[in-house]
Protein backbone atom coordinates (compact mmCIF):
# COMPACT_ATOMS: atom_id res chain seq x y z
CA MET A 1 -43.54 92.53 105.63
CA LYS A 2 -43.31 94.06 109.16
CA CYS A 3 -42.71 97.55 110.37
CA ILE A 4 -39.08 98.15 111.48
CA TYR A 5 -40.29 100.18 114.43
CA CYS A 6 -43.40 98.53 115.96
CA LYS A 7 -43.27 95.14 114.10
CA ASN A 8 -46.94 95.40 112.92
CA ASN A 9 -48.14 94.70 109.40
CA LEU A 10 -47.48 96.98 106.49
CA LYS A 11 -50.01 97.56 103.78
CA GLU A 12 -49.71 98.99 100.26
CA GLY A 13 -50.69 102.63 99.96
CA LYS A 14 -49.56 105.97 98.66
CA THR A 15 -47.72 108.90 100.29
CA ALA A 16 -46.62 112.39 99.48
CA LEU A 17 -42.96 113.34 99.79
CA THR A 18 -42.06 116.97 100.51
CA PHE A 19 -38.56 118.38 99.58
CA GLN A 20 -37.60 121.73 100.96
CA MET A 21 -34.57 122.83 98.94
CA GLU A 22 -32.21 125.76 99.02
CA ASN A 23 -33.51 129.24 97.99
CA ASP A 24 -36.94 128.43 99.51
CA ARG A 25 -37.85 125.90 96.83
CA ILE A 26 -40.47 123.37 97.81
CA ILE A 27 -41.43 120.35 95.66
CA VAL A 28 -44.10 117.80 96.68
CA VAL A 29 -44.31 114.46 94.91
CA LYS A 30 -47.82 113.05 95.37
CA ASP A 31 -49.18 109.53 95.26
CA VAL A 32 -45.83 107.77 95.61
CA PRO A 33 -46.30 103.99 96.14
CA ALA A 34 -45.43 103.12 99.77
CA LEU A 35 -45.77 100.50 102.42
CA ILE A 36 -47.57 101.94 105.43
CA CYS A 37 -47.74 100.46 108.86
CA GLU A 38 -51.29 99.74 110.01
CA GLU A 39 -50.40 100.59 113.63
CA CYS A 40 -47.90 103.48 113.77
CA GLY A 41 -48.30 104.90 110.29
CA GLU A 42 -44.56 104.66 109.48
CA GLU A 43 -44.09 104.92 105.65
CA SER A 44 -41.43 103.42 103.50
CA ILE A 45 -40.78 103.38 99.71
CA ASP A 46 -38.65 100.96 97.81
CA ILE A 47 -35.41 101.96 96.10
CA LYS A 48 -36.87 101.86 92.59
CA ASP A 49 -39.56 104.41 93.51
CA SER A 50 -36.99 106.42 95.49
CA LYS A 51 -34.82 106.83 92.38
CA ILE A 52 -37.75 107.85 90.25
CA VAL A 53 -38.79 110.44 92.83
CA GLU A 54 -35.17 111.72 92.91
CA GLN A 55 -35.25 112.13 89.08
CA LEU A 56 -38.60 113.93 89.20
CA VAL A 57 -37.39 116.42 91.81
CA HIS A 58 -34.12 116.99 89.91
CA LYS A 59 -36.04 117.68 86.64
CA ALA A 60 -38.36 120.11 88.47
CA LEU A 61 -35.47 122.02 89.92
CA SER A 62 -33.60 122.10 86.59
CA ASP A 63 -36.78 123.44 84.93
CA GLY A 64 -36.62 126.28 87.40
CA ILE A 65 -39.69 125.40 89.50
CA LYS A 66 -39.69 127.19 92.80
CA MET A 67 -42.82 125.62 94.24
CA GLY A 68 -44.88 122.80 92.83
CA PHE A 69 -46.74 119.48 93.01
CA ILE A 70 -45.83 116.49 90.95
CA GLU A 71 -48.13 113.55 90.62
CA TYR A 72 -45.94 110.44 90.66
CA TYR A 73 -47.95 108.41 88.18
CA ASN A 74 -48.45 111.16 85.63
CA ALA A 75 -44.75 112.07 85.69
CA ALA A 76 -42.93 108.75 86.14
């Protein structure tokens, strides 16, 4: 697979996604599987992982967490 920006190769890796929500809430999801461009560093995650991250963040917010880290593999 190629990077959509610089057309170089993508490699499998992990990334952290930060969500800054209303009322100064910040949730970080760590170790999310991603494809990372070897040249420019652009990161992308697939739709399946995106939906899991969305569910994790929603759960954290509904649990009343104002600031926190979620490890993808431990929570998914």
